[in-house]
Amino acid sequence: MSFTQYLRIQANDLWSKEQSHPFIQEIGSGKLPLEKFQYFMKQDYIFLIEYCRVISLCVAKTEKISDMNFFSSLLHETLDIEMDLHISFCKDFDISKQDLEKTFPSNATESYTNHLLKVAYSKSALDIAVSILPCAWGYSEIGQKLKSNGLPLNAPLYSKWIELYSSVEFEELAIQIKKYIDLESQNISDQYKKNLENIFISSSNHEYNFWDSAYKLSP
C-alpha cells in the first residue's frame, strides 16, 4: 500500500461525510439553491488566490528540478487557467469580476487558507504537498462520483462544473501530487509520517467545513 493510499483510508469516514453533504448532493441533482452556489464560487475565488501562494512556496522548497517543474506547472494551471475558468464560470452565475474582488473571506475560508499557509511557510515541500492533496484529490473524486450518477440535465451550469472536476486532466494533477508524496515519503520516519497524516486530516476537515459553510451561507 502506498502512503497516499494509507492517508486516504485514514480519512475515509470524513471524505464519505463530505461526499454525502447536501451541498454536493444538490449539485448532483441540480437542486442546489443558486445563492448557495454563488456564495461558494466567491469564496472559492478567495481560496484559489491563497492556494496559489502555497504552491509558489512549494516550488521554492523543492530540491529536484523535475519537482520544481511539476509544481511550477501546477501553479500555472491554477493561476493562469483555473482562475480564468473560474472568473468566466462566475459570469454564467451573474457574478462579475468586481463582485469577486470585493469578496471577504468567510471564517471557514480564512481558517483553511491560514492552515495551508502555516504549513507552507514553516515546513517542507512534502508537507505542503500533503496539505493540498485533499483539495485536488477530493474535488476529482467528487466530480467523478457525481458524473457517474448522471449529469443534472435540468441544471446545465452544474453539469458544466461536474464535467470540469471529473475530467481526466484534473484527475492527472492529483495523481502527480500523489506520486510526488509517495516517492518522497519512502524513507522518512514513522513520526514524520504521523505528522503528515495529521496535516492531511486537518486539510480534509477544512475541506468539509468549506462546503458546509457555503451550504449554510456562514459569515
N, C-alpha and C. Protein backbone atom coordinates (compact mmCIF):
# COMPACT_ATOMS: atom_id res chain seq x y z
N MET A 1 0.85 -1.19 0.00
CA MET A 1 0.00 0.00 0.00
C MET A 1 0.89 1.25 0.00
N SER A 2 0.57 2.19 -0.87
CA SER A 2 1.33 3.44 -0.91
C SER A 2 0.94 4.32 0.27
N PHE A 3 1.77 5.31 0.55
CA PHE A 3 1.49 6.20 1.67
C PHE A 3 0.21 7.00 1.42
N THR A 4 -0.01 7.45 0.18
CA THR A 4 -1.22 8.22 -0.10
C THR A 4 -2.47 7.35 0.01
N GLN A 5 -2.35 6.08 -0.34
CA GLN A 5 -3.49 5.16 -0.14
C GLN A 5 -3.79 5.02 1.34
N TYR A 6 -2.74 4.93 2.14
CA TYR A 6 -2.90 4.86 3.59
C TYR A 6 -3.61 6.11 4.10
N LEU A 7 -3.18 7.29 3.63
CA LEU A 7 -3.81 8.54 4.07
C LEU A 7 -5.29 8.56 3.70
N ARG A 8 -5.59 8.09 2.49
CA ARG A 8 -6.99 8.09 2.04
C ARG A 8 -7.85 7.20 2.93
N ILE A 9 -7.32 6.07 3.33
CA ILE A 9 -8.06 5.16 4.22
C ILE A 9 -8.31 5.81 5.57
N GLN A 10 -7.30 6.50 6.11
CA GLN A 10 -7.45 7.15 7.41
C GLN A 10 -8.52 8.24 7.38
N ALA A 11 -8.71 8.85 6.23
CA ALA A 11 -9.68 9.94 6.12
C ALA A 11 -11.01 9.49 5.51
N ASN A 12 -11.18 8.18 5.36
CA ASN A 12 -12.34 7.68 4.60
C ASN A 12 -13.68 8.13 5.19
N ASP A 13 -13.84 8.04 6.50
CA ASP A 13 -15.12 8.43 7.11
C ASP A 13 -15.41 9.91 6.86
N LEU A 14 -14.39 10.72 6.98
CA LEU A 14 -14.55 12.15 6.76
C LEU A 14 -14.86 12.47 5.31
N TRP A 15 -14.18 11.80 4.40
CA TRP A 15 -14.43 12.03 2.97
C TRP A 15 -15.82 11.53 2.57
N SER A 16 -16.25 10.44 3.16
CA SER A 16 -17.60 9.93 2.87
C SER A 16 -18.65 10.92 3.35
N LYS A 17 -18.40 11.50 4.52
CA LYS A 17 -19.30 12.52 5.06
C LYS A 17 -19.34 13.74 4.14
N GLU A 18 -18.18 14.12 3.64
CA GLU A 18 -18.10 15.26 2.72
C GLU A 18 -18.86 14.98 1.43
N GLN A 19 -18.63 13.81 0.85
CA GLN A 19 -19.24 13.49 -0.44
C GLN A 19 -20.75 13.30 -0.34
N SER A 20 -21.26 13.05 0.86
CA SER A 20 -22.71 12.91 1.04
C SER A 20 -23.34 14.20 1.57
N HIS A 21 -22.54 15.26 1.68
CA HIS A 21 -23.05 16.54 2.18
C HIS A 21 -24.14 17.06 1.24
N PRO A 22 -25.17 17.69 1.79
CA PRO A 22 -26.25 18.22 0.94
C PRO A 22 -25.77 19.14 -0.18
N PHE A 23 -24.73 19.93 0.08
CA PHE A 23 -24.22 20.82 -0.97
C PHE A 23 -23.79 20.01 -2.19
N ILE A 24 -23.02 18.95 -1.96
CA ILE A 24 -22.54 18.10 -3.04
C ILE A 24 -23.70 17.38 -3.71
N GLN A 25 -24.56 16.80 -2.90
CA GLN A 25 -25.68 16.03 -3.44
C GLN A 25 -26.63 16.90 -4.26
N GLU A 26 -26.82 18.13 -3.83
CA GLU A 26 -27.75 19.01 -4.55
C GLU A 26 -27.13 19.61 -5.81
N ILE A 27 -25.81 19.65 -5.89
CA ILE A 27 -25.18 19.96 -7.18
C ILE A 27 -25.50 18.82 -8.14
N GLY A 28 -25.34 17.60 -7.64
CA GLY A 28 -25.58 16.42 -8.48
C GLY A 28 -27.01 16.31 -8.97
N SER A 29 -27.96 16.74 -8.14
CA SER A 29 -29.37 16.65 -8.54
C SER A 29 -29.83 17.92 -9.28
N GLY A 30 -28.98 18.95 -9.25
CA GLY A 30 -29.35 20.21 -9.88
C GLY A 30 -30.27 21.06 -9.03
N LYS A 31 -30.44 20.68 -7.76
CA LYS A 31 -31.41 21.37 -6.89
C LYS A 31 -30.77 22.36 -5.91
N LEU A 32 -29.45 22.53 -5.97
CA LEU A 32 -28.80 23.45 -5.04
C LEU A 32 -29.26 24.88 -5.31
N PRO A 33 -29.76 25.59 -4.29
CA PRO A 33 -30.18 26.98 -4.50
C PRO A 33 -29.04 27.83 -5.06
N LEU A 34 -29.36 28.68 -6.00
CA LEU A 34 -28.36 29.47 -6.71
C LEU A 34 -27.51 30.31 -5.76
N GLU A 35 -28.13 30.91 -4.75
CA GLU A 35 -27.39 31.80 -3.86
C GLU A 35 -26.29 31.05 -3.11
N LYS A 36 -26.51 29.76 -2.85
CA LYS A 36 -25.50 28.97 -2.15
C LYS A 36 -24.32 28.68 -3.06
N PHE A 37 -24.60 28.42 -4.32
CA PHE A 37 -23.50 28.18 -5.24
C PHE A 37 -22.74 29.47 -5.53
N GLN A 38 -23.44 30.58 -5.62
CA GLN A 38 -22.79 31.87 -5.82
C GLN A 38 -21.87 32.19 -4.64
N TYR A 39 -22.34 31.93 -3.44
CA TYR A 39 -21.52 32.13 -2.24
C TYR A 39 -20.27 31.27 -2.33
N PHE A 40 -20.45 30.00 -2.71
CA PHE A 40 -19.33 29.07 -2.83
C PHE A 40 -18.32 29.57 -3.85
N MET A 41 -18.78 30.02 -5.00
CA MET A 41 -17.88 30.46 -6.06
C MET A 41 -17.07 31.68 -5.64
N LYS A 42 -17.69 32.58 -4.91
CA LYS A 42 -16.97 33.77 -4.43
C LYS A 42 -15.90 33.37 -3.43
N GLN A 43 -16.24 32.49 -2.51
CA GLN A 43 -15.26 32.06 -1.52
C GLN A 43 -14.16 31.22 -2.17
N ASP A 44 -14.50 30.46 -3.16
CA ASP A 44 -13.50 29.65 -3.85
C ASP A 44 -12.49 30.52 -4.59
N TYR A 45 -12.93 31.66 -5.06
CA TYR A 45 -12.02 32.62 -5.71
C TYR A 45 -10.97 33.09 -4.70
N ILE A 46 -11.43 33.44 -3.51
CA ILE A 46 -10.51 33.86 -2.44
C ILE A 46 -9.55 32.72 -2.10
N PHE A 47 -10.11 31.52 -2.00
CA PHE A 47 -9.29 30.35 -1.67
C PHE A 47 -8.21 30.12 -2.72
N LEU A 48 -8.58 30.21 -3.99
CA LEU A 48 -7.62 29.91 -5.06
C LEU A 48 -6.43 30.86 -5.05
N ILE A 49 -6.66 32.11 -4.68
CA ILE A 49 -5.56 33.07 -4.60
C ILE A 49 -4.53 32.60 -3.57
N GLU A 50 -5.01 32.23 -2.39
CA GLU A 50 -4.10 31.78 -1.33
C GLU A 50 -3.49 30.40 -1.67
N TYR A 51 -4.26 29.58 -2.33
CA TYR A 51 -3.79 28.26 -2.78
C TYR A 51 -2.58 28.44 -3.71
N CYS A 52 -2.64 29.44 -4.56
CA CYS A 52 -1.52 29.73 -5.46
C CYS A 52 -0.28 30.18 -4.67
N ARG A 53 -0.49 30.95 -3.62
CA ARG A 53 0.65 31.35 -2.79
C ARG A 53 1.31 30.11 -2.18
N VAL A 54 0.49 29.18 -1.75
CA VAL A 54 1.00 27.96 -1.13
C VAL A 54 1.82 27.15 -2.14
N ILE A 55 1.30 27.00 -3.35
CA ILE A 55 2.03 26.26 -4.39
C ILE A 55 3.34 26.97 -4.72
N SER A 56 3.33 28.30 -4.74
CA SER A 56 4.55 29.07 -5.01
C SER A 56 5.63 28.74 -3.99
N LEU A 57 5.23 28.64 -2.73
CA LEU A 57 6.19 28.29 -1.68
C LEU A 57 6.70 26.87 -1.84
N CYS A 58 5.85 26.00 -2.34
CA CYS A 58 6.26 24.62 -2.59
C CYS A 58 7.31 24.58 -3.70
N VAL A 59 7.11 25.37 -4.74
CA VAL A 59 8.10 25.45 -5.82
C VAL A 59 9.46 25.85 -5.25
N ALA A 60 9.46 26.85 -4.38
CA ALA A 60 10.70 27.35 -3.81
C ALA A 60 11.40 26.33 -2.92
N LYS A 61 10.62 25.42 -2.33
CA LYS A 61 11.19 24.47 -1.36
C LYS A 61 11.54 23.11 -1.95
N THR A 62 11.16 22.85 -3.19
CA THR A 62 11.51 21.57 -3.81
C THR A 62 13.01 21.54 -4.11
N GLU A 63 13.58 20.34 -4.07
CA GLU A 63 15.02 20.19 -4.26
C GLU A 63 15.39 19.73 -5.67
N LYS A 64 14.51 18.98 -6.31
CA LYS A 64 14.81 18.46 -7.65
C LYS A 64 14.21 19.36 -8.72
N ILE A 65 14.93 19.53 -9.81
CA ILE A 65 14.45 20.34 -10.93
C ILE A 65 13.13 19.78 -11.47
N SER A 66 13.02 18.45 -11.54
CA SER A 66 11.79 17.84 -12.06
C SER A 66 10.59 18.18 -11.18
N ASP A 67 10.80 18.19 -9.86
CA ASP A 67 9.71 18.53 -8.94
C ASP A 67 9.38 20.02 -9.04
N MET A 68 10.42 20.83 -9.17
CA MET A 68 10.19 22.26 -9.34
C MET A 68 9.38 22.52 -10.60
N ASN A 69 9.68 21.76 -11.64
CA ASN A 69 8.96 21.90 -12.90
C ASN A 69 7.50 21.51 -12.75
N PHE A 70 7.24 20.39 -12.03
CA PHE A 70 5.85 19.96 -11.84
C PHE A 70 5.05 20.99 -11.06
N PHE A 71 5.58 21.43 -9.92
CA PHE A 71 4.81 22.37 -9.10
C PHE A 71 4.68 23.74 -9.78
N SER A 72 5.65 24.09 -10.61
CA SER A 72 5.52 25.30 -11.41
C SER A 72 4.38 25.15 -12.41
N SER A 73 4.29 23.96 -12.99
CA SER A 73 3.18 23.68 -13.92
C SER A 73 1.84 23.71 -13.20
N LEU A 74 1.82 23.16 -11.97
CA LEU A 74 0.59 23.18 -11.18
C LEU A 74 0.19 24.62 -10.86
N LEU A 75 1.19 25.44 -10.55
CA LEU A 75 0.91 26.86 -10.29
C LEU A 75 0.33 27.53 -11.52
N HIS A 76 0.92 27.24 -12.68
CA HIS A 76 0.42 27.80 -13.94
C HIS A 76 -1.01 27.34 -14.20
N GLU A 77 -1.26 26.04 -14.02
CA GLU A 77 -2.61 25.51 -14.25
C GLU A 77 -3.63 26.20 -13.35
N THR A 78 -3.24 26.47 -12.12
CA THR A 78 -4.17 27.06 -11.15
C THR A 78 -4.31 28.57 -11.37
N LEU A 79 -3.18 29.25 -11.51
CA LEU A 79 -3.19 30.70 -11.57
C LEU A 79 -3.64 31.23 -12.91
N ASP A 80 -3.20 30.60 -13.99
CA ASP A 80 -3.47 31.14 -15.32
C ASP A 80 -4.62 30.46 -16.05
N ILE A 81 -4.97 29.25 -15.64
CA ILE A 81 -6.03 28.53 -16.36
C ILE A 81 -7.27 28.37 -15.48
N GLU A 82 -7.09 27.75 -14.31
CA GLU A 82 -8.26 27.53 -13.45
C GLU A 82 -8.87 28.85 -12.98
N MET A 83 -8.02 29.84 -12.67
CA MET A 83 -8.55 31.13 -12.22
C MET A 83 -9.35 31.81 -13.32
N ASP A 84 -8.84 31.75 -14.55
CA ASP A 84 -9.57 32.34 -15.68
C ASP A 84 -10.88 31.60 -15.92
N LEU A 85 -10.83 30.28 -15.83
CA LEU A 85 -12.06 29.49 -15.98
C LEU A 85 -13.06 29.84 -14.88
N HIS A 86 -12.53 30.03 -13.68
CA HIS A 86 -13.38 30.36 -12.54
C HIS A 86 -14.09 31.70 -12.77
N ILE A 87 -13.33 32.70 -13.21
CA ILE A 87 -13.91 34.03 -13.44
C ILE A 87 -14.95 33.95 -14.56
N SER A 88 -14.62 33.22 -15.63
CA SER A 88 -15.56 33.07 -16.74
C SER A 88 -16.81 32.32 -16.29
N PHE A 89 -16.62 31.28 -15.49
CA PHE A 89 -17.74 30.48 -15.00
C PHE A 89 -18.63 31.32 -14.09
N CYS A 90 -18.01 32.18 -13.29
CA CYS A 90 -18.79 33.04 -12.40
C CYS A 90 -19.74 33.96 -13.18
N LYS A 91 -19.30 34.40 -14.35
CA LYS A 91 -20.16 35.26 -15.18
C LYS A 91 -21.46 34.56 -15.54
N ASP A 92 -21.37 33.24 -15.73
CA ASP A 92 -22.58 32.46 -16.04
C ASP A 92 -23.57 32.49 -14.89
N PHE A 93 -23.05 32.73 -13.67
CA PHE A 93 -23.89 32.77 -12.48
C PHE A 93 -24.13 34.21 -12.00
N ASP A 94 -23.93 35.16 -12.94
CA ASP A 94 -24.17 36.59 -12.66
C ASP A 94 -23.27 37.12 -11.55
N ILE A 95 -22.04 36.63 -11.52
CA ILE A 95 -21.04 37.13 -10.57
C ILE A 95 -19.94 37.79 -11.39
N SER A 96 -19.78 39.10 -11.26
CA SER A 96 -18.77 39.82 -12.03
C SER A 96 -17.40 39.70 -11.36
N LYS A 97 -16.37 40.05 -12.10
CA LYS A 97 -15.02 40.05 -11.52
C LYS A 97 -14.94 41.05 -10.37
N GLN A 98 -15.67 42.15 -10.51
CA GLN A 98 -15.71 43.15 -9.43
C GLN A 98 -16.34 42.57 -8.17
N ASP A 99 -17.37 41.76 -8.36
CA ASP A 99 -18.01 41.09 -7.21
C ASP A 99 -17.00 40.18 -6.51
N LEU A 100 -16.21 39.46 -7.30
CA LEU A 100 -15.22 38.57 -6.73
C LEU A 100 -14.17 39.34 -5.95
N GLU A 101 -13.72 40.44 -6.52
CA GLU A 101 -12.67 41.22 -5.88
C GLU A 101 -13.13 41.92 -4.61
N LYS A 102 -14.43 42.09 -4.47
CA LYS A 102 -14.98 42.72 -3.27
C LYS A 102 -15.29 41.70 -2.16
N THR A 103 -15.14 40.43 -2.48
CA THR A 103 -15.49 39.38 -1.52
C THR A 103 -14.49 39.31 -0.37
N PHE A 104 -15.00 39.18 0.84
CA PHE A 104 -14.16 38.96 2.01
C PHE A 104 -14.21 37.48 2.38
N PRO A 105 -13.12 36.94 2.87
CA PRO A 105 -13.14 35.52 3.23
C PRO A 105 -14.06 35.23 4.39
N SER A 106 -14.78 34.13 4.30
CA SER A 106 -15.59 33.66 5.42
C SER A 106 -14.66 33.10 6.49
N ASN A 107 -15.21 32.82 7.64
CA ASN A 107 -14.39 32.22 8.71
C ASN A 107 -13.80 30.88 8.27
N ALA A 108 -14.60 30.10 7.55
CA ALA A 108 -14.14 28.79 7.08
C ALA A 108 -13.02 28.94 6.06
N THR A 109 -13.17 29.88 5.15
CA THR A 109 -12.14 30.12 4.14
C THR A 109 -10.85 30.59 4.78
N GLU A 110 -10.96 31.53 5.69
CA GLU A 110 -9.78 32.09 6.35
C GLU A 110 -9.07 31.02 7.19
N SER A 111 -9.84 30.20 7.87
CA SER A 111 -9.25 29.14 8.69
C SER A 111 -8.50 28.14 7.81
N TYR A 112 -9.10 27.79 6.68
CA TYR A 112 -8.48 26.82 5.76
C TYR A 112 -7.19 27.38 5.17
N THR A 113 -7.25 28.60 4.64
CA THR A 113 -6.06 29.17 4.00
C THR A 113 -4.96 29.46 5.02
N ASN A 114 -5.34 29.83 6.24
CA ASN A 114 -4.33 30.04 7.29
C ASN A 114 -3.60 28.73 7.60
N HIS A 115 -4.37 27.65 7.63
CA HIS A 115 -3.76 26.33 7.86
C HIS A 115 -2.75 26.01 6.76
N LEU A 116 -3.15 26.19 5.49
CA LEU A 116 -2.26 25.87 4.37
C LEU A 116 -1.02 26.76 4.38
N LEU A 117 -1.21 28.04 4.64
CA LEU A 117 -0.08 28.96 4.64
C LEU A 117 0.88 28.69 5.80
N LYS A 118 0.34 28.31 6.93
CA LYS A 118 1.20 27.98 8.07
C LYS A 118 2.09 26.80 7.73
N VAL A 119 1.52 25.78 7.12
CA VAL A 119 2.30 24.62 6.69
C VAL A 119 3.34 25.05 5.65
N ALA A 120 2.90 25.87 4.69
CA ALA A 120 3.78 26.26 3.58
C ALA A 120 4.98 27.07 4.04
N TYR A 121 4.76 27.97 5.00
CA TYR A 121 5.86 28.82 5.46
C TYR A 121 6.80 28.09 6.42
N SER A 122 6.27 27.16 7.19
CA SER A 122 7.07 26.58 8.27
C SER A 122 7.62 25.19 7.99
N LYS A 123 7.12 24.53 6.94
CA LYS A 123 7.51 23.13 6.74
C LYS A 123 8.06 22.89 5.34
N SER A 124 8.25 21.63 4.99
CA SER A 124 8.93 21.25 3.75
C SER A 124 7.95 21.15 2.57
N ALA A 125 8.51 20.94 1.39
CA ALA A 125 7.69 20.75 0.20
C ALA A 125 6.80 19.52 0.33
N LEU A 126 7.30 18.48 0.98
CA LEU A 126 6.49 17.27 1.18
C LEU A 126 5.28 17.57 2.05
N ASP A 127 5.48 18.31 3.13
CA ASP A 127 4.36 18.70 3.99
C ASP A 127 3.33 19.52 3.20
N ILE A 128 3.83 20.43 2.37
CA ILE A 128 2.93 21.29 1.58
C ILE A 128 2.11 20.43 0.62
N ALA A 129 2.77 19.50 -0.04
CA ALA A 129 2.06 18.64 -0.99
C ALA A 129 0.96 17.84 -0.30
N VAL A 130 1.24 17.35 0.89
CA VAL A 130 0.23 16.62 1.65
C VAL A 130 -0.92 17.53 2.05
N SER A 131 -0.61 18.77 2.37
CA SER A 131 -1.66 19.70 2.80
C SER A 131 -2.63 20.06 1.69
N ILE A 132 -2.15 20.11 0.44
CA ILE A 132 -3.02 20.48 -0.68
C ILE A 132 -3.68 19.28 -1.35
N LEU A 133 -3.23 18.08 -1.02
CA LEU A 133 -3.77 16.89 -1.69
C LEU A 133 -5.26 16.69 -1.47
N PRO A 134 -5.81 16.90 -0.25
CA PRO A 134 -7.25 16.70 -0.09
C PRO A 134 -8.10 17.57 -1.01
N CYS A 135 -7.60 18.75 -1.34
CA CYS A 135 -8.35 19.62 -2.26
C CYS A 135 -8.33 19.03 -3.67
N ALA A 136 -7.13 18.79 -4.20
CA ALA A 136 -7.00 18.29 -5.57
C ALA A 136 -7.64 16.92 -5.74
N TRP A 137 -7.36 16.02 -4.82
CA TRP A 137 -7.88 14.65 -4.90
C TRP A 137 -9.37 14.62 -4.59
N GLY A 138 -9.77 15.38 -3.58
CA GLY A 138 -11.17 15.38 -3.16
C GLY A 138 -12.11 15.89 -4.25
N TYR A 139 -11.73 16.99 -4.90
CA TYR A 139 -12.57 17.53 -5.97
C TYR A 139 -12.68 16.53 -7.13
N SER A 140 -11.57 15.87 -7.43
CA SER A 140 -11.58 14.89 -8.51
C SER A 140 -12.53 13.74 -8.18
N GLU A 141 -12.47 13.24 -6.95
CA GLU A 141 -13.38 12.16 -6.53
C GLU A 141 -14.84 12.62 -6.59
N ILE A 142 -15.09 13.82 -6.10
CA ILE A 142 -16.46 14.34 -6.09
C ILE A 142 -16.98 14.47 -7.51
N GLY A 143 -16.17 15.06 -8.38
CA GLY A 143 -16.59 15.23 -9.77
C GLY A 143 -16.89 13.90 -10.44
N GLN A 144 -16.04 12.91 -10.22
CA GLN A 144 -16.23 11.61 -10.85
C GLN A 144 -17.46 10.88 -10.29
N LYS A 145 -17.66 10.98 -8.99
CA LYS A 145 -18.83 10.32 -8.38
C LYS A 145 -20.13 10.95 -8.89
N LEU A 146 -20.16 12.28 -8.95
CA LEU A 146 -21.36 12.96 -9.42
C LEU A 146 -21.64 12.62 -10.89
N LYS A 147 -20.58 12.59 -11.68
CA LYS A 147 -20.78 12.28 -13.10
C LYS A 147 -21.26 10.84 -13.28
N SER A 148 -20.74 9.93 -12.46
CA SER A 148 -21.15 8.53 -12.58
C SER A 148 -22.62 8.34 -12.25
N ASN A 149 -23.18 9.28 -11.47
CA ASN A 149 -24.60 9.22 -11.12
C ASN A 149 -25.48 9.84 -12.19
N GLY A 150 -24.85 10.47 -13.18
CA GLY A 150 -25.60 11.12 -14.25
C GLY A 150 -25.65 12.61 -14.06
N LEU A 151 -25.39 13.36 -15.13
CA LEU A 151 -25.38 14.82 -15.04
C LEU A 151 -26.80 15.35 -14.84
N PRO A 152 -26.94 16.43 -14.07
CA PRO A 152 -28.27 17.03 -13.87
C PRO A 152 -28.67 17.86 -15.10
N LEU A 153 -29.39 17.26 -16.00
CA LEU A 153 -29.72 17.92 -17.27
C LEU A 153 -30.60 19.15 -17.05
N ASN A 154 -31.28 19.19 -15.89
CA ASN A 154 -32.11 20.36 -15.58
C ASN A 154 -31.28 21.54 -15.10
N ALA A 155 -29.97 21.32 -14.90
CA ALA A 155 -29.08 22.38 -14.40
C ALA A 155 -27.77 22.33 -15.18
N PRO A 156 -27.76 22.88 -16.41
CA PRO A 156 -26.58 22.76 -17.27
C PRO A 156 -25.32 23.39 -16.69
N LEU A 157 -25.46 24.43 -15.87
CA LEU A 157 -24.27 25.05 -15.29
C LEU A 157 -23.64 24.15 -14.23
N TYR A 158 -24.47 23.47 -13.46
CA TYR A 158 -23.94 22.50 -12.51
C TYR A 158 -23.31 21.32 -13.26
N SER A 159 -23.91 20.94 -14.37
CA SER A 159 -23.34 19.88 -15.20
C SER A 159 -21.95 20.28 -15.70
N LYS A 160 -21.81 21.55 -16.08
CA LYS A 160 -20.52 22.05 -16.55
C LYS A 160 -19.47 21.98 -15.45
N TRP A 161 -19.87 22.31 -14.22
CA TRP A 161 -18.95 22.24 -13.08
C TRP A 161 -18.52 20.79 -12.84
N ILE A 162 -19.47 19.87 -12.91
CA ILE A 162 -19.17 18.44 -12.71
C ILE A 162 -18.22 17.95 -13.80
N GLU A 163 -18.46 18.36 -15.03
CA GLU A 163 -17.60 17.95 -16.15
C GLU A 163 -16.17 18.41 -15.93
N LEU A 164 -16.01 19.62 -15.41
CA LEU A 164 -14.67 20.16 -15.17
C LEU A 164 -13.90 19.32 -14.18
N TYR A 165 -14.54 19.02 -13.04
CA TYR A 165 -13.81 18.34 -11.97
C TYR A 165 -13.80 16.81 -12.10
N SER A 166 -14.55 16.30 -13.06
CA SER A 166 -14.48 14.86 -13.34
C SER A 166 -13.54 14.56 -14.50
N SER A 167 -12.92 15.59 -15.04
CA SER A 167 -12.09 15.42 -16.24
C SER A 167 -10.80 14.66 -15.94
N VAL A 168 -10.29 14.01 -16.96
CA VAL A 168 -9.02 13.28 -16.86
C VAL A 168 -7.89 14.26 -16.54
N GLU A 169 -7.96 15.45 -17.14
CA GLU A 169 -6.91 16.45 -16.93
C GLU A 169 -6.83 16.87 -15.47
N PHE A 170 -7.97 17.07 -14.84
CA PHE A 170 -7.96 17.46 -13.43
C PHE A 170 -7.50 16.30 -12.56
N GLU A 171 -7.93 15.09 -12.88
CA GLU A 171 -7.51 13.92 -12.12
C GLU A 171 -5.99 13.76 -12.18
N GLU A 172 -5.41 14.06 -13.33
CA GLU A 172 -3.97 13.87 -13.51
C GLU A 172 -3.16 14.75 -12.56
N LEU A 173 -3.66 15.94 -12.23
CA LEU A 173 -2.97 16.80 -11.28
C LEU A 173 -2.87 16.13 -9.91
N ALA A 174 -3.97 15.54 -9.47
CA ALA A 174 -3.97 14.83 -8.18
C ALA A 174 -3.04 13.63 -8.23
N ILE A 175 -3.04 12.92 -9.34
CA ILE A 175 -2.18 11.74 -9.48
C ILE A 175 -0.71 12.14 -9.36
N GLN A 176 -0.34 13.24 -9.98
CA GLN A 176 1.06 13.68 -9.93
C GLN A 176 1.46 14.11 -8.52
N ILE A 177 0.55 14.76 -7.80
CA ILE A 177 0.85 15.13 -6.41
C ILE A 177 1.04 13.87 -5.57
N LYS A 178 0.20 12.87 -5.79
CA LYS A 178 0.31 11.61 -5.05
C LYS A 178 1.63 10.90 -5.37
N LYS A 179 2.03 10.91 -6.62
CA LYS A 179 3.29 10.27 -6.99
C LYS A 179 4.47 10.95 -6.27
N TYR A 180 4.43 12.27 -6.22
CA TYR A 180 5.49 13.01 -5.54
C TYR A 180 5.53 12.63 -4.06
N ILE A 181 4.38 12.60 -3.41
CA ILE A 181 4.31 12.28 -1.98
C ILE A 181 4.78 10.85 -1.72
N ASP A 182 4.33 9.91 -2.54
CA ASP A 182 4.69 8.51 -2.34
C ASP A 182 6.20 8.30 -2.49
N LEU A 183 6.81 9.00 -3.42
CA LEU A 183 8.25 8.88 -3.62
C LEU A 183 9.02 9.51 -2.46
N GLU A 184 8.63 10.73 -2.08
CA GLU A 184 9.36 11.46 -1.06
C GLU A 184 9.17 10.88 0.35
N SER A 185 8.12 10.12 0.56
CA SER A 185 7.83 9.59 1.89
C SER A 185 8.39 8.19 2.12
N GLN A 186 9.11 7.66 1.15
CA GLN A 186 9.58 6.27 1.25
C GLN A 186 10.54 6.04 2.41
N ASN A 187 11.40 7.00 2.68
CA ASN A 187 12.45 6.77 3.68
C ASN A 187 12.35 7.71 4.88
N ILE A 188 11.16 8.16 5.19
CA ILE A 188 11.00 9.06 6.34
C ILE A 188 10.59 8.25 7.57
N SER A 189 10.74 8.86 8.73
CA SER A 189 10.44 8.17 9.98
C SER A 189 8.94 7.98 10.18
N ASP A 190 8.60 7.08 11.07
CA ASP A 190 7.19 6.86 11.41
C ASP A 190 6.58 8.11 12.03
N GLN A 191 7.37 8.83 12.80
CA GLN A 191 6.87 10.05 13.43
C GLN A 191 6.55 11.11 12.37
N TYR A 192 7.42 11.22 11.38
CA TYR A 192 7.17 12.18 10.29
C TYR A 192 5.90 11.79 9.54
N LYS A 193 5.73 10.49 9.30
CA LYS A 193 4.52 10.03 8.61
C LYS A 193 3.27 10.39 9.42
N LYS A 194 3.38 10.26 10.73
CA LYS A 194 2.24 10.61 11.59
C LYS A 194 1.95 12.10 11.51
N ASN A 195 3.00 12.91 11.46
CA ASN A 195 2.82 14.36 11.32
C ASN A 195 2.13 14.70 10.00
N LEU A 196 2.53 14.01 8.95
CA LEU A 196 1.91 14.23 7.63
C LEU A 196 0.45 13.78 7.64
N GLU A 197 0.19 12.68 8.31
CA GLU A 197 -1.19 12.21 8.44
C GLU A 197 -2.05 13.26 9.13
N ASN A 198 -1.52 13.89 10.17
CA ASN A 198 -2.27 14.94 10.88
C ASN A 198 -2.55 16.13 9.97
N ILE A 199 -1.59 16.48 9.14
CA ILE A 199 -1.80 17.57 8.18
C ILE A 199 -2.89 17.21 7.19
N PHE A 200 -2.84 15.98 6.69
CA PHE A 200 -3.83 15.51 5.72
C PHE A 200 -5.24 15.52 6.31
N ILE A 201 -5.37 15.04 7.52
CA ILE A 201 -6.67 15.01 8.19
C ILE A 201 -7.17 16.43 8.46
N SER A 202 -6.26 17.30 8.87
CA SER A 202 -6.65 18.68 9.13
C SER A 202 -7.15 19.35 7.85
N SER A 203 -6.45 19.17 6.75
CA SER A 203 -6.90 19.74 5.47
C SER A 203 -8.23 19.15 5.05
N SER A 204 -8.42 17.87 5.29
CA SER A 204 -9.69 17.21 4.95
C SER A 204 -10.84 17.78 5.77
N ASN A 205 -10.58 18.07 7.04
CA ASN A 205 -11.59 18.72 7.88
C ASN A 205 -11.94 20.10 7.35
N HIS A 206 -10.92 20.84 6.95
CA HIS A 206 -11.16 22.17 6.39
C HIS A 206 -11.96 22.10 5.09
N GLU A 207 -11.70 21.07 4.29
CA GLU A 207 -12.46 20.88 3.06
C GLU A 207 -13.95 20.70 3.38
N TYR A 208 -14.22 19.85 4.36
CA TYR A 208 -15.62 19.63 4.75
C TYR A 208 -16.25 20.94 5.24
N ASN A 209 -15.55 21.66 6.07
CA ASN A 209 -16.09 22.90 6.62
C ASN A 209 -16.32 23.94 5.53
N PHE A 210 -15.51 23.90 4.49
CA PHE A 210 -15.67 24.84 3.38
C PHE A 210 -17.01 24.61 2.67
N TRP A 211 -17.31 23.33 2.38
CA TRP A 211 -18.60 23.00 1.77
C TRP A 211 -19.76 23.35 2.71
N ASP A 212 -19.60 22.99 3.98
CA ASP A 212 -20.67 23.20 4.95
C ASP A 212 -20.96 24.69 5.14
N SER A 213 -19.90 25.48 5.16
CA SER A 213 -20.06 26.93 5.31
C SER A 213 -20.83 27.52 4.13
N ALA A 214 -20.54 27.04 2.92
CA ALA A 214 -21.25 27.54 1.75
C ALA A 214 -22.73 27.15 1.79
N TYR A 215 -23.00 25.94 2.24
CA TYR A 215 -24.39 25.49 2.29
C TYR A 215 -25.19 26.31 3.30
N LYS A 216 -24.54 26.67 4.40
CA LYS A 216 -25.21 27.42 5.48
C LYS A 216 -25.10 28.93 5.27
N LEU A 217 -24.37 29.35 4.24
CA LEU A 217 -24.13 30.79 4.00
C LEU A 217 -23.52 31.45 5.24
N SER A 218 -22.57 30.75 5.84
CA SER A 218 -21.99 31.23 7.10
C SER A 218 -21.07 32.44 6.86
N PRO A 219 -20.99 33.36 7.80
CA PRO A 219 -20.13 34.54 7.64
C PRO A 219 -18.66 34.14 7.73
